[in-house]
Amino acid sequence: MKDIRYTSSPLLASKTPVWRSKFIVAALALAFIVLIGRAAYVQVFGNAFFQRQGEVRFARTLDMPASRGRIFDRNGLLLASSVVAPSIWAIPEDVERDPAKLQQLAKLLGMPLVDLNRRLADEDKSFVWLKRQVDEPVAKQIAELKIPGIHQRREYKRKYPEGEAAAHVVGFANVENKGQEGAELSFDSQLAGKAGSRRVIKDRLGRAVEAVGDDVPPVDGKDIQLSIDSKVQFFAYQKLRDAVTAQKAKSGSVVVLDAQTGEVLALANYPSYSPDDRRNLTGAQLRNIAITDTFEPGSTMKPITAAIALELGRVTPQTVINTAPGSYKLDRFTIRDTHNYGSLTVEGVIQKSSNVGALKIAQKLRPQEMWETYSALGYGRKPDLAFPGAATGRVRNWKTWKPVEQATMAYGYGLSASLFQMAHSYTAFSHDGEVIPATLLKLDGGTPAQGVRVFSEKNARAIRKMLAMAAGPGGTGQRAQTVGYSVGGKSGTAHKQVGKGYAANKYRSWFTGMAPIESPRVIVGVMLDEPSNGVYFGGAVAAPVFSEVVQQTLRIMGVQPDVAVKPAIVAEQVEESF
């Protein structure tokens, strides 16, 4: 009898081989082992890539802006400084759309609600500037609104206490704290400093929740001290503005130099602008006319012509020059004086500003001799001054000069220079024959100025005497005289070039001189462009500005008066030749 297995059934018998089930179990076990290995690799051994990807998504490097260096005048008064001015930005998709809060935000930002909503409309953007550099009290009020998605970034904003009076010399920096004009641009590398950085982890709302690594602290910019005297600067600007307005001139400039050190004490232009508010700024306001614009210097070149002839021994101060009959024909050109002065000494030529006398002195010189002296005085070369846009001017090579061109250059036509170049060239007379370097930075008072000798001390003093005669009774610059101080200088008037010729009714008027005349402390150059109030001679238009600026500057410098009484200013105006 066969055994019967009551516990088994043919219906339950599996036809699948046993090895297949074992294989499936082994495969699942291997898969889990692979997953465990992968997890270990990702999280422990090879996690660098994934950490970098996480940092890209959540880690940020925050800039820590450096404070820009301050600018001081020679006396330590502030001309430019940086104040905290946070910038407001947003993540549009995170901004809470509360109409009342958004209305308050728009009001604080000084923009219409429509403009604010337009900036927040694109929710695909993760960063939108709302307003750069707001005042700190305003930023605090914005923070108090506690609007999700609205954030602030710490930044600095430049402030200029002297405003438009010192705008052209100090300049300004843009919203990124980079110098754009003036000293801000010239010394940008020193003032800028170096921004720091901070690595942080941010959450989805843009909030920094964790610092990563070490912070790199910002390095603030260095302070600089200019040679500018803010009191002299303000007074010069004020008097220039009044003169331009009174004479209905197009523009004007004043340059004040320390005659012994070459330091720039003032550099003013009108029209000017407010560096703190440049929303309506025009190109005319930006022009630093004193150093960027060039023009024919006119009669201010006559003392230089006389100095060259004195230095070469071709004339003496008492050499007689016949200027009769008040005109001189050269080639097909006729050169004229305003009057027939007859016979004049070299001193008289400068005093009366005779064109005929100047050209006859020049005829005693060779073109090369004149050109070399012009070059030594800084004409036709870019001023060695750390200032953007300084013009070179133009003095053609002496080999190309024609006789008539040599003659006209003797009284300032046929070459061009800026007002700064003209004022700087007069240091050769104030510093006893040496041209000293000009600087915009304050110098160490214990270091005497070292210049390049162009004229002898004797001849420089002789020219100063002639300049004093030109500003005294019988001279063309009588209105340059000032109370308490002896002065000397030369006026100039020239027709403006228009196209290839000269405009009949457009003039530039200027006066360049120094004081006190025996031992000069300051050199002042004044220029007015297109005076149109019926008077245009430099002695009548520019000389009064020179007088007022000289007087105030010497008082500020503490220079003792060298004239006991008020000089008698001759009422009758002596017209200069031009």
Protein backbone atom coordinates (compact mmCIF):
# COMPACT_ATOMS: atom_id res chain seq x y z
CA MET A 1 0.00 0.00 0.00
CA LYS A 2 1.43 3.34 -1.09
CA ASP A 3 1.88 6.23 1.33
CA ILE A 4 -0.62 9.07 0.79
CA ARG A 5 0.56 12.65 1.49
CA TYR A 6 -2.52 14.36 2.74
CA THR A 7 -0.63 17.62 3.26
CA SER A 8 0.31 18.20 -0.38
CA SER A 9 -1.83 18.89 -3.34
CA PRO A 10 -0.96 18.81 -6.99
CA LEU A 11 -2.84 22.03 -7.40
CA LEU A 12 -0.49 23.80 -5.02
CA ALA A 13 2.68 22.44 -6.46
CA SER A 14 4.95 25.14 -8.02
CA LYS A 15 6.51 24.52 -11.35
CA THR A 16 9.00 27.42 -10.83
CA PRO A 17 12.52 26.26 -10.06
CA VAL A 18 13.79 27.09 -6.62
CA TRP A 19 16.87 28.93 -7.94
CA ARG A 20 14.76 31.67 -9.50
CA SER A 21 13.25 32.76 -6.23
CA LYS A 22 16.66 32.73 -4.66
CA PHE A 23 17.96 34.88 -7.50
CA ILE A 24 15.23 37.50 -7.00
CA VAL A 25 15.95 37.72 -3.31
CA ALA A 26 19.66 38.10 -4.02
CA ALA A 27 19.00 40.80 -6.64
CA LEU A 28 16.87 42.83 -4.22
CA ALA A 29 19.54 42.50 -1.55
CA LEU A 30 22.21 43.69 -4.02
CA ALA A 31 20.06 46.67 -5.03
CA PHE A 32 19.72 47.73 -1.42
CA ILE A 33 23.47 47.34 -0.96
CA VAL A 34 24.06 49.57 -4.05
CA LEU A 35 21.64 52.19 -2.73
CA ILE A 36 23.31 52.14 0.67
CA GLY A 37 26.72 52.51 -1.02
CA ARG A 38 25.50 55.36 -3.18
CA ALA A 39 24.07 57.13 -0.17
CA ALA A 40 27.34 56.68 1.68
CA TYR A 41 29.29 58.06 -1.31
CA VAL A 42 27.01 61.06 -1.75
CA GLN A 43 26.87 61.96 1.91
CA VAL A 44 30.34 60.95 3.11
CA PHE A 45 33.00 60.27 0.50
CA GLY A 46 32.09 62.21 -2.66
CA ASN A 47 29.93 65.02 -1.35
CA ALA A 48 31.96 67.97 -2.67
CA PHE A 49 29.95 68.33 -5.90
CA PHE A 50 26.63 68.21 -4.10
CA GLN A 51 27.77 70.66 -1.49
CA ARG A 52 28.77 73.09 -4.25
CA GLN A 53 25.35 72.68 -5.85
CA GLY A 54 23.68 73.34 -2.52
CA GLU A 55 25.77 76.41 -1.97
CA VAL A 56 24.84 77.71 -5.41
CA ARG A 57 21.20 77.48 -4.41
CA PHE A 58 21.34 78.67 -0.83
CA ALA A 59 24.80 80.14 -0.11
CA ARG A 60 25.51 83.76 -1.04
CA THR A 61 28.55 86.00 -0.94
CA LEU A 62 27.52 89.32 0.50
CA ASP A 63 29.58 92.37 -0.36
CA MET A 64 30.61 94.51 2.56
CA PRO A 65 31.14 97.95 1.01
CA ALA A 66 34.09 100.04 2.11
CA SER A 67 33.62 103.62 3.19
CA ARG A 68 35.16 106.01 0.67
CA GLY A 69 37.93 108.23 2.00
CA ARG A 70 37.21 111.81 3.02
CA ILE A 71 38.46 114.92 1.23
CA PHE A 72 39.68 117.86 3.32
CA ASP A 73 40.80 121.34 2.45
CA ARG A 74 44.21 122.64 3.54
CA ASN A 75 42.80 123.69 6.95
CA GLY A 76 41.11 120.37 7.71
CA LEU A 77 37.60 121.46 6.74
CA LEU A 78 35.47 118.74 5.15
CA LEU A 79 34.92 118.91 1.39
CA ALA A 80 33.55 115.38 0.81
CA SER A 81 32.54 112.50 3.09
CA SER A 82 30.54 109.27 3.03
CA VAL A 83 27.40 108.65 5.10
CA VAL A 84 25.42 105.43 5.54
CA ALA A 85 22.66 105.26 2.92
CA PRO A 86 20.96 101.82 2.64
CA SER A 87 19.64 100.68 -0.74
CA ILE A 88 16.21 99.04 -0.97
CA TRP A 89 15.68 95.87 -3.04
CA ALA A 90 13.01 93.20 -3.38
CA ILE A 91 12.26 89.57 -4.34
CA PRO A 92 8.97 90.12 -6.25
CA GLU A 93 7.49 86.65 -5.69
CA ASP A 94 7.99 86.96 -1.91
CA VAL A 95 6.51 90.46 -1.53
CA GLU A 96 3.32 90.59 0.50
CA ARG A 97 0.69 92.42 -1.58
CA ASP A 98 -0.82 94.48 1.20
CA PRO A 99 -2.19 97.63 -0.51
CA ALA A 100 -1.87 99.81 2.59
CA LYS A 101 1.75 98.81 3.27
CA LEU A 102 2.72 99.14 -0.39
CA GLN A 103 1.21 102.64 -0.45
CA GLN A 104 3.33 103.58 2.57
CA LEU A 105 6.41 102.02 0.95
CA ALA A 106 5.90 103.99 -2.27
CA LYS A 107 5.55 107.21 -0.28
CA LEU A 108 8.77 106.55 1.63
CA LEU A 109 10.60 105.74 -1.60
CA GLY A 110 9.32 108.93 -3.21
CA MET A 111 7.75 107.18 -6.19
CA PRO A 112 4.19 106.68 -7.45
CA LEU A 113 2.47 103.46 -6.38
CA VAL A 114 2.05 102.59 -10.07
CA ASP A 115 5.84 102.59 -10.58
CA LEU A 116 6.38 100.44 -7.49
CA ASN A 117 3.81 97.88 -8.65
CA ARG A 118 5.40 97.81 -12.09
CA ARG A 119 8.80 96.94 -10.60
CA LEU A 120 7.25 94.18 -8.51
CA ALA A 121 5.11 92.79 -11.37
CA ASP A 122 7.66 90.31 -12.75
CA GLU A 123 7.65 87.50 -10.21
CA ASP A 124 10.17 85.49 -12.21
CA LYS A 125 12.90 87.87 -11.08
CA SER A 126 14.73 87.08 -7.88
CA PHE A 127 16.25 90.58 -7.45
CA VAL A 128 14.89 94.06 -8.19
CA TRP A 129 16.32 97.41 -7.10
CA LEU A 130 13.62 99.70 -5.71
CA LYS A 131 15.81 102.68 -4.81
CA ARG A 132 19.53 103.17 -4.30
CA GLN A 133 20.97 105.04 -1.35
CA VAL A 134 18.05 106.35 0.70
CA ASP A 135 18.56 108.35 3.87
CA GLU A 136 19.05 106.22 6.96
CA PRO A 137 15.90 107.50 8.79
CA VAL A 138 13.83 106.56 5.72
CA ALA A 139 15.43 103.10 5.65
CA LYS A 140 14.47 102.60 9.30
CA GLN A 141 10.84 103.49 8.54
CA ILE A 142 10.82 101.02 5.65
CA ALA A 143 12.20 98.29 7.91
CA GLU A 144 9.44 99.00 10.44
CA LEU A 145 6.80 98.17 7.81
CA LYS A 146 8.07 94.55 7.96
CA ILE A 147 6.98 93.72 4.41
CA PRO A 148 8.11 90.19 3.44
CA GLY A 149 10.32 90.24 0.34
CA ILE A 150 11.58 93.82 0.90
CA HIS A 151 15.26 93.92 1.88
CA GLN A 152 18.03 96.45 2.48
CA ARG A 153 21.68 96.57 1.57
CA ARG A 154 24.14 98.73 3.49
CA GLU A 155 25.80 101.31 1.21
CA TYR A 156 27.43 104.73 1.47
CA LYS A 157 26.46 108.03 -0.12
CA ARG A 158 28.77 111.01 -0.74
CA LYS A 159 28.02 114.39 0.79
CA TYR A 160 29.59 117.67 -0.34
CA PRO A 161 29.26 120.43 2.30
CA GLU A 162 30.68 123.20 0.07
CA GLY A 163 28.12 122.53 -2.65
CA GLU A 164 28.42 124.30 -6.01
CA ALA A 165 31.23 126.61 -4.85
CA ALA A 166 33.76 123.75 -4.86
CA ALA A 167 32.00 121.42 -7.29
CA HIS A 168 34.54 121.64 -10.11
CA VAL A 169 37.58 121.08 -7.93
CA VAL A 170 36.13 118.34 -5.68
CA GLY A 171 34.00 116.64 -8.35
CA PHE A 172 31.64 113.81 -7.42
CA ALA A 173 31.33 110.04 -7.20
CA ASN A 174 28.51 107.99 -8.74
CA VAL A 175 26.07 105.63 -7.03
CA GLU A 176 28.67 102.85 -7.20
CA ASN A 177 31.10 105.08 -5.27
CA LYS A 178 33.44 105.55 -8.23
CA GLY A 179 34.90 108.99 -8.89
CA GLN A 180 33.53 110.73 -11.98
CA GLU A 181 34.92 114.27 -11.92
CA GLY A 182 37.46 116.47 -10.17
CA ALA A 183 39.51 115.25 -7.22
CA GLU A 184 37.09 112.34 -6.78
CA LEU A 185 38.27 111.02 -10.14
CA SER A 186 41.93 112.08 -9.90
CA PHE A 187 42.49 110.34 -6.57
CA ASP A 188 39.91 107.58 -7.01
CA SER A 189 42.38 104.75 -6.36
CA GLN A 190 43.30 106.24 -2.97
CA LEU A 191 39.78 107.19 -1.95
CA ALA A 192 37.96 104.03 -3.08
CA GLY A 193 39.20 101.50 -0.52
CA LYS A 194 38.54 97.77 -0.92
CA ALA A 195 35.20 96.06 -0.36
CA GLY A 196 34.96 93.09 2.04
CA SER A 197 32.89 89.92 1.72
CA ARG A 198 30.82 87.56 3.85
CA ARG A 199 29.62 84.01 2.99
CA VAL A 200 26.18 83.14 4.38
CA ILE A 201 23.38 80.58 3.95
CA LYS A 202 20.06 82.14 3.03
CA ASP A 203 16.58 80.70 3.44
CA ARG A 204 13.85 80.85 0.80
CA LEU A 205 12.85 84.32 1.99
CA GLY A 206 16.33 85.68 1.39
CA ARG A 207 17.26 85.96 5.05
CA ALA A 208 20.80 85.14 6.15
CA VAL A 209 20.49 82.29 8.63
CA GLU A 210 24.05 80.99 8.92
CA ALA A 211 27.56 82.32 8.31
CA VAL A 212 29.94 80.16 6.27
CA GLY A 213 33.70 80.59 6.64
CA ASP A 214 35.56 83.68 7.76
CA ASP A 215 34.51 87.22 6.89
CA VAL A 216 36.85 89.41 4.86
CA PRO A 217 36.51 92.86 6.44
CA PRO A 218 36.35 95.93 4.16
CA VAL A 219 39.31 98.30 3.96
CA ASP A 220 38.16 101.93 4.03
CA GLY A 221 39.63 104.40 1.56
CA LYS A 222 42.37 106.82 2.51
CA ASP A 223 41.66 110.45 3.32
CA ILE A 224 43.32 113.13 1.19
CA GLN A 225 44.01 116.77 1.95
CA LEU A 226 43.82 119.22 -0.92
CA SER A 227 45.69 122.50 -1.23
CA ILE A 228 42.34 124.25 -1.63
CA ASP A 229 41.34 126.84 0.97
CA SER A 230 37.56 126.52 1.25
CA LYS A 231 37.19 130.16 2.38
CA VAL A 232 39.15 131.45 -0.61
CA GLN A 233 37.29 129.04 -2.86
CA PHE A 234 33.87 130.22 -1.69
CA PHE A 235 34.76 133.91 -1.94
CA ALA A 236 36.26 133.50 -5.43
CA TYR A 237 33.17 131.63 -6.62
CA GLN A 238 30.84 134.21 -5.11
CA LYS A 239 32.61 137.16 -6.77
CA LEU A 240 32.85 135.31 -10.08
CA ARG A 241 29.13 134.48 -10.03
CA ASP A 242 28.25 138.10 -9.32
CA ALA A 243 30.50 139.33 -12.14
CA VAL A 244 29.15 136.86 -14.70
CA THR A 245 25.60 137.89 -13.78
CA ALA A 246 26.34 141.63 -13.79
CA GLN A 247 28.21 141.55 -17.11
CA LYS A 248 25.69 139.14 -18.68
CA ALA A 249 28.57 136.85 -19.57
CA LYS A 250 28.27 133.31 -20.85
CA SER A 251 30.64 131.86 -18.24
CA GLY A 252 33.68 132.68 -16.15
CA SER A 253 36.61 131.21 -14.23
CA VAL A 254 38.96 132.13 -11.39
CA VAL A 255 42.28 130.47 -10.51
CA VAL A 256 44.17 131.32 -7.32
CA LEU A 257 47.72 129.97 -6.86
CA ASP A 258 50.14 130.29 -3.98
CA ALA A 259 52.94 132.24 -5.63
CA GLN A 260 55.65 130.70 -3.44
CA THR A 261 54.60 127.02 -3.32
CA GLY A 262 52.53 126.47 -6.48
CA GLU A 263 49.57 125.16 -4.45
CA VAL A 264 46.11 125.69 -5.96
CA LEU A 265 44.17 127.71 -3.38
CA ALA A 266 40.99 128.08 -5.44
CA LEU A 267 39.65 126.96 -8.78
CA ALA A 268 36.14 128.21 -9.46
CA ASN A 269 33.86 128.21 -12.50
CA TYR A 270 30.43 129.58 -13.22
CA PRO A 271 27.95 128.14 -14.14
CA SER A 272 28.38 125.37 -11.60
CA TYR A 273 26.24 122.58 -10.14
CA SER A 274 25.35 120.95 -6.84
CA PRO A 275 27.23 117.63 -6.44
CA ASP A 276 24.50 116.40 -4.05
CA ASP A 277 21.73 116.84 -6.64
CA ARG A 278 22.69 116.07 -10.23
CA ARG A 279 19.24 115.24 -11.62
CA ASN A 280 19.15 118.23 -13.98
CA LEU A 281 22.87 118.41 -14.71
CA THR A 282 23.94 119.83 -18.09
CA GLY A 283 27.22 119.62 -19.98
CA ALA A 284 27.83 123.37 -19.61
CA GLN A 285 27.63 123.08 -15.82
CA LEU A 286 30.09 120.19 -15.78
CA ARG A 287 32.80 121.98 -17.76
CA ASN A 288 35.83 122.84 -15.67
CA ILE A 289 36.50 125.84 -17.88
CA ALA A 290 39.64 126.97 -16.08
CA ILE A 291 41.63 123.90 -17.14
CA THR A 292 39.69 122.30 -20.01
CA ASP A 293 38.94 125.30 -22.27
CA THR A 294 41.69 126.98 -24.24
CA PHE A 295 41.72 130.37 -25.92
CA GLU A 296 44.15 132.92 -27.31
CA PRO A 297 45.71 134.60 -24.25
CA GLY A 298 45.95 138.02 -25.86
CA SER A 299 47.76 140.81 -24.02
CA THR A 300 48.74 138.63 -21.06
CA MET A 301 51.56 137.36 -23.31
CA LYS A 302 53.14 140.81 -23.71
CA PRO A 303 55.06 140.66 -20.39
CA ILE A 304 56.45 137.27 -21.48
CA THR A 305 57.61 138.75 -24.79
CA ALA A 306 59.33 141.57 -22.92
CA ALA A 307 60.90 139.10 -20.46
CA ILE A 308 62.41 137.03 -23.30
CA ALA A 309 63.95 140.12 -24.86
CA LEU A 310 65.32 141.26 -21.48
CA GLU A 311 66.79 137.84 -20.77
CA LEU A 312 68.57 137.72 -24.14
CA GLY A 313 69.88 141.25 -23.76
CA ARG A 314 68.05 142.58 -26.82
CA VAL A 315 66.34 145.35 -24.83
CA THR A 316 66.39 146.99 -21.41
CA PRO A 317 63.37 148.31 -19.48
CA GLN A 318 64.24 151.78 -20.75
CA THR A 319 64.78 150.88 -24.41
CA VAL A 320 62.62 153.23 -26.52
CA ILE A 321 60.19 151.65 -28.97
CA ASN A 322 58.56 153.87 -31.60
CA THR A 323 54.89 152.86 -31.95
CA ALA A 324 53.84 155.81 -34.15
CA PRO A 325 51.48 156.23 -35.91
CA GLY A 326 49.66 153.57 -33.86
CA SER A 327 49.71 150.93 -36.59
CA TYR A 328 52.17 148.69 -38.37
CA LYS A 329 51.80 147.00 -41.72
CA LEU A 330 53.32 143.53 -41.99
CA ASP A 331 52.87 141.65 -45.24
CA ARG A 332 49.20 142.17 -46.11
CA PHE A 333 48.12 142.64 -42.46
CA THR A 334 47.88 145.85 -40.46
CA ILE A 335 48.40 145.62 -36.69
CA ARG A 336 46.90 148.47 -34.69
CA ASP A 337 46.88 150.06 -31.25
CA THR A 338 43.81 151.75 -29.79
CA HIS A 339 45.79 155.01 -29.69
CA ASN A 340 48.94 156.50 -31.19
CA TYR A 341 51.27 156.28 -28.21
CA GLY A 342 54.30 157.54 -30.12
CA SER A 343 57.59 156.57 -28.50
CA LEU A 344 57.33 154.24 -25.50
CA THR A 345 59.89 152.53 -23.33
CA VAL A 346 59.60 148.76 -22.91
CA GLU A 347 57.94 149.52 -19.57
CA GLY A 348 55.52 151.83 -21.34
CA VAL A 349 54.69 149.16 -23.94
CA ILE A 350 53.48 146.88 -21.14
CA GLN A 351 51.76 149.70 -19.27
CA LYS A 352 49.78 150.87 -22.30
CA SER A 353 49.43 147.36 -23.76
CA SER A 354 50.74 148.39 -27.17
CA ASN A 355 50.44 145.76 -29.90
CA VAL A 356 52.85 147.63 -32.14
CA GLY A 357 55.40 147.89 -29.35
CA ALA A 358 55.10 144.16 -28.55
CA LEU A 359 55.60 143.10 -32.17
CA LYS A 360 58.64 145.37 -32.55
CA ILE A 361 60.17 143.76 -29.45
CA ALA A 362 59.41 140.34 -30.94
CA GLN A 363 61.18 141.29 -34.16
CA LYS A 364 64.40 141.43 -32.13
CA LEU A 365 63.94 137.74 -31.28
CA ARG A 366 64.23 134.53 -33.26
CA PRO A 367 61.18 132.22 -33.47
CA GLN A 368 63.10 129.40 -31.80
CA GLU A 369 63.94 131.61 -28.81
CA MET A 370 60.30 132.52 -28.29
CA TRP A 371 59.10 128.94 -28.74
CA GLU A 372 61.60 127.52 -26.25
CA THR A 373 60.56 130.03 -23.60
CA TYR A 374 56.85 129.41 -24.21
CA SER A 375 57.50 125.70 -23.78
CA ALA A 376 59.52 126.24 -20.59
CA LEU A 377 56.62 128.28 -19.17
CA GLY A 378 54.18 125.42 -19.83
CA TYR A 379 52.46 126.58 -23.02
CA GLY A 380 51.70 123.84 -25.52
CA ARG A 381 52.17 121.15 -22.87
CA LYS A 382 49.70 119.40 -20.62
CA PRO A 383 49.91 120.80 -17.10
CA ASP A 384 51.63 118.47 -14.64
CA LEU A 385 48.55 118.55 -12.44
CA ALA A 386 46.65 115.56 -11.08
CA PHE A 387 43.38 116.66 -12.60
CA PRO A 388 41.19 115.10 -15.31
CA GLY A 389 40.74 116.84 -18.63
CA ALA A 390 43.57 119.36 -18.31
CA ALA A 391 44.04 120.90 -21.76
CA THR A 392 47.36 121.06 -23.56
CA GLY A 393 46.78 124.22 -25.52
CA ARG A 394 48.59 124.83 -28.80
CA VAL A 395 51.88 126.40 -29.79
CA ARG A 396 52.95 125.43 -33.29
CA ASN A 397 56.52 124.39 -34.03
CA TRP A 398 58.69 127.46 -34.51
CA LYS A 399 59.95 126.17 -37.86
CA THR A 400 56.52 126.85 -39.40
CA TRP A 401 56.16 130.42 -38.11
CA LYS A 402 55.74 133.21 -40.61
CA PRO A 403 56.89 136.76 -39.72
CA VAL A 404 53.30 137.90 -39.17
CA GLU A 405 52.62 134.90 -36.93
CA GLN A 406 55.66 135.63 -34.80
CA ALA A 407 54.42 139.19 -34.47
CA THR A 408 50.88 138.23 -33.44
CA MET A 409 52.16 135.66 -30.92
CA ALA A 410 54.04 138.48 -29.22
CA TYR A 411 50.69 139.92 -28.14
CA GLY A 412 48.85 136.62 -27.66
CA TYR A 413 47.27 135.67 -30.99
CA GLY A 414 48.08 132.49 -32.92
CA LEU A 415 48.51 130.27 -29.84
CA SER A 416 46.10 128.94 -27.26
CA ALA A 417 46.20 128.22 -23.55
CA SER A 418 43.90 127.64 -20.60
CA LEU A 419 43.40 130.13 -17.78
CA PHE A 420 45.27 127.77 -15.48
CA GLN A 421 48.28 127.69 -17.84
CA MET A 422 48.31 131.48 -17.98
CA ALA A 423 48.22 131.85 -14.19
CA HIS A 424 50.84 129.12 -13.72
CA SER A 425 53.24 130.72 -16.22
CA TYR A 426 53.27 133.87 -14.08
CA THR A 427 55.04 131.94 -11.30
CA ALA A 428 58.19 132.69 -13.33
CA PHE A 429 57.72 136.33 -12.32
CA SER A 430 56.48 135.80 -8.76
CA HIS A 431 59.21 133.29 -7.89
CA ASP A 432 62.10 135.41 -9.13
CA GLY A 433 62.49 133.75 -12.52
CA GLU A 434 61.64 130.13 -11.66
CA VAL A 435 58.56 128.26 -12.88
CA ILE A 436 57.45 126.11 -9.96
CA PRO A 437 55.26 123.01 -10.23
CA ALA A 438 51.57 123.40 -9.43
CA THR A 439 49.83 120.95 -7.12
CA LEU A 440 46.32 120.21 -5.93
CA LEU A 441 47.54 118.51 -2.75
CA LYS A 442 48.68 120.34 0.36
CA LEU A 443 52.46 120.46 0.65
CA ASP A 444 54.66 120.14 3.67
CA GLY A 445 55.21 123.72 4.75
CA GLY A 446 58.84 123.10 5.55
CA THR A 447 59.83 122.18 2.01
CA PRO A 448 60.65 125.15 -0.27
CA ALA A 449 59.39 124.98 -3.83
CA GLN A 450 61.95 123.87 -6.41
CA GLY A 451 61.39 125.26 -9.87
CA VAL A 452 63.01 125.50 -13.29
CA ARG A 453 64.78 128.75 -13.97
CA VAL A 454 63.55 130.57 -17.05
CA PHE A 455 64.50 134.18 -16.29
CA SER A 456 67.08 135.80 -14.05
CA GLU A 457 65.98 137.25 -10.74
CA LYS A 458 66.80 140.75 -11.99
CA ASN A 459 64.62 140.42 -15.08
CA ALA A 460 61.75 138.80 -13.17
CA ARG A 461 61.73 141.79 -10.80
CA ALA A 462 61.83 144.16 -13.78
CA ILE A 463 58.73 142.49 -15.23
CA ARG A 464 56.96 142.72 -11.86
CA LYS A 465 57.60 146.47 -11.93
CA MET A 466 56.03 146.63 -15.41
CA LEU A 467 53.01 144.68 -14.19
CA ALA A 468 52.64 147.13 -11.32
CA MET A 469 52.69 150.00 -13.84
CA ALA A 470 50.03 148.25 -15.94
CA ALA A 471 47.78 148.02 -12.87
CA GLY A 472 48.55 151.55 -11.72
CA PRO A 473 47.67 155.05 -12.92
CA GLY A 474 47.94 155.30 -16.69
CA GLY A 475 47.77 151.53 -17.11
CA THR A 476 45.05 149.38 -18.64
CA GLY A 477 44.35 147.48 -15.42
CA GLN A 478 43.76 150.29 -12.93
CA ARG A 479 40.66 148.64 -11.50
CA ALA A 480 42.84 145.75 -10.30
CA GLN A 481 44.15 147.94 -7.46
CA THR A 482 43.05 146.86 -4.02
CA VAL A 483 42.95 148.31 -0.53
CA GLY A 484 46.08 147.76 1.52
CA TYR A 485 48.09 145.74 -0.98
CA SER A 486 50.24 146.56 -3.98
CA VAL A 487 49.29 144.61 -7.09
CA GLY A 488 50.59 144.00 -10.58
CA GLY A 489 49.06 142.27 -13.53
CA LYS A 490 48.08 142.35 -17.14
CA SER A 491 44.64 142.64 -18.64
CA GLY A 492 43.61 140.97 -21.86
CA THR A 493 40.79 141.24 -24.37
CA ALA A 494 40.43 139.16 -27.50
CA HIS A 495 37.87 138.53 -30.19
CA LYS A 496 36.52 134.98 -30.03
CA GLN A 497 37.25 132.65 -32.86
CA VAL A 498 34.17 131.54 -34.75
CA GLY A 499 34.92 129.06 -37.50
CA LYS A 500 37.95 130.25 -39.45
CA GLY A 501 37.64 133.89 -38.42
CA TYR A 502 36.93 136.15 -35.46
CA ALA A 503 33.52 137.27 -34.28
CA ALA A 504 33.12 141.03 -34.37
CA ASN A 505 31.02 141.28 -31.20
CA LYS A 506 32.12 138.32 -29.09
CA TYR A 507 35.01 138.71 -26.66
CA ARG A 508 36.93 136.99 -23.91
CA SER A 509 38.13 139.24 -21.13
CA TRP A 510 40.67 138.36 -18.49
CA PHE A 511 43.19 139.62 -16.00
CA THR A 512 46.22 137.77 -14.61
CA GLY A 513 48.37 139.22 -11.88
CA MET A 514 49.92 138.91 -8.42
CA ALA A 515 50.20 140.61 -5.04
CA PRO A 516 51.94 142.02 -3.05
CA ILE A 517 54.07 143.05 -5.97
CA GLU A 518 57.44 143.26 -4.18
CA SER A 519 57.12 139.81 -2.61
CA PRO A 520 54.17 138.03 -4.27
CA ARG A 521 52.14 135.60 -2.20
CA VAL A 522 49.26 134.89 -4.60
CA ILE A 523 48.67 134.74 -8.33
CA VAL A 524 45.10 135.25 -9.51
CA GLY A 525 43.73 134.63 -13.00
CA VAL A 526 40.21 135.77 -13.95
CA MET A 527 38.38 135.11 -17.23
CA LEU A 528 34.89 136.08 -18.40
CA ASP A 529 33.52 134.63 -21.61
CA GLU A 530 31.33 136.85 -23.81
CA PRO A 531 30.50 139.78 -21.51
CA SER A 532 27.55 141.50 -23.17
CA ASN A 533 26.53 144.35 -20.90
CA GLY A 534 28.22 147.02 -22.97
CA VAL A 535 31.70 146.63 -21.46
CA TYR A 536 34.19 143.97 -22.55
CA PHE A 537 37.75 145.19 -21.86
CA GLY A 538 39.59 142.93 -19.43
CA GLY A 539 40.65 145.92 -17.37
CA ALA A 540 37.01 146.87 -16.82
CA VAL A 541 35.38 143.43 -16.58
CA ALA A 542 37.91 141.00 -15.08
CA ALA A 543 40.19 143.34 -13.10
CA PRO A 544 37.56 144.20 -10.42
CA VAL A 545 37.09 140.49 -9.69
CA PHE A 546 40.87 140.14 -9.42
CA SER A 547 40.97 143.05 -6.95
CA GLU A 548 38.35 141.61 -4.62
CA VAL A 549 39.72 138.06 -4.71
CA VAL A 550 43.29 139.24 -4.04
CA GLN A 551 42.26 141.39 -1.11
CA GLN A 552 40.23 138.68 0.60
CA THR A 553 42.77 135.93 -0.10
CA LEU A 554 45.69 137.88 1.38
CA ARG A 555 43.60 138.69 4.47
CA ILE A 556 42.73 135.01 4.93
CA MET A 557 46.41 134.11 4.54
CA GLY A 558 47.34 136.66 7.18
CA VAL A 559 49.56 138.73 4.87
CA GLN A 560 50.32 142.14 6.28
CA PRO A 561 49.26 145.09 4.10
CA ASP A 562 52.15 146.79 2.31
CA VAL A 563 50.24 149.92 1.24
CA ALA A 564 49.38 152.41 3.95
CA VAL A 565 46.43 154.07 2.28
CA LYS A 566 43.89 153.22 -0.35
CA PRO A 567 45.45 153.70 -3.76
CA ALA A 568 43.94 156.31 -6.00
CA ILE A 569 42.07 154.50 -8.71
CA VAL A 570 41.95 156.58 -11.83
CA ALA A 571 38.42 156.98 -13.05
CA GLU A 572 39.32 157.33 -16.71
CA GLN A 573 39.59 153.93 -18.31
CA VAL A 574 42.61 153.32 -20.53
CA GLU A 575 41.56 151.10 -23.42
CA GLU A 576 43.91 148.30 -24.24
CA SER A 577 44.89 147.17 -27.72
CA PHE A 578 43.60 143.83 -28.85
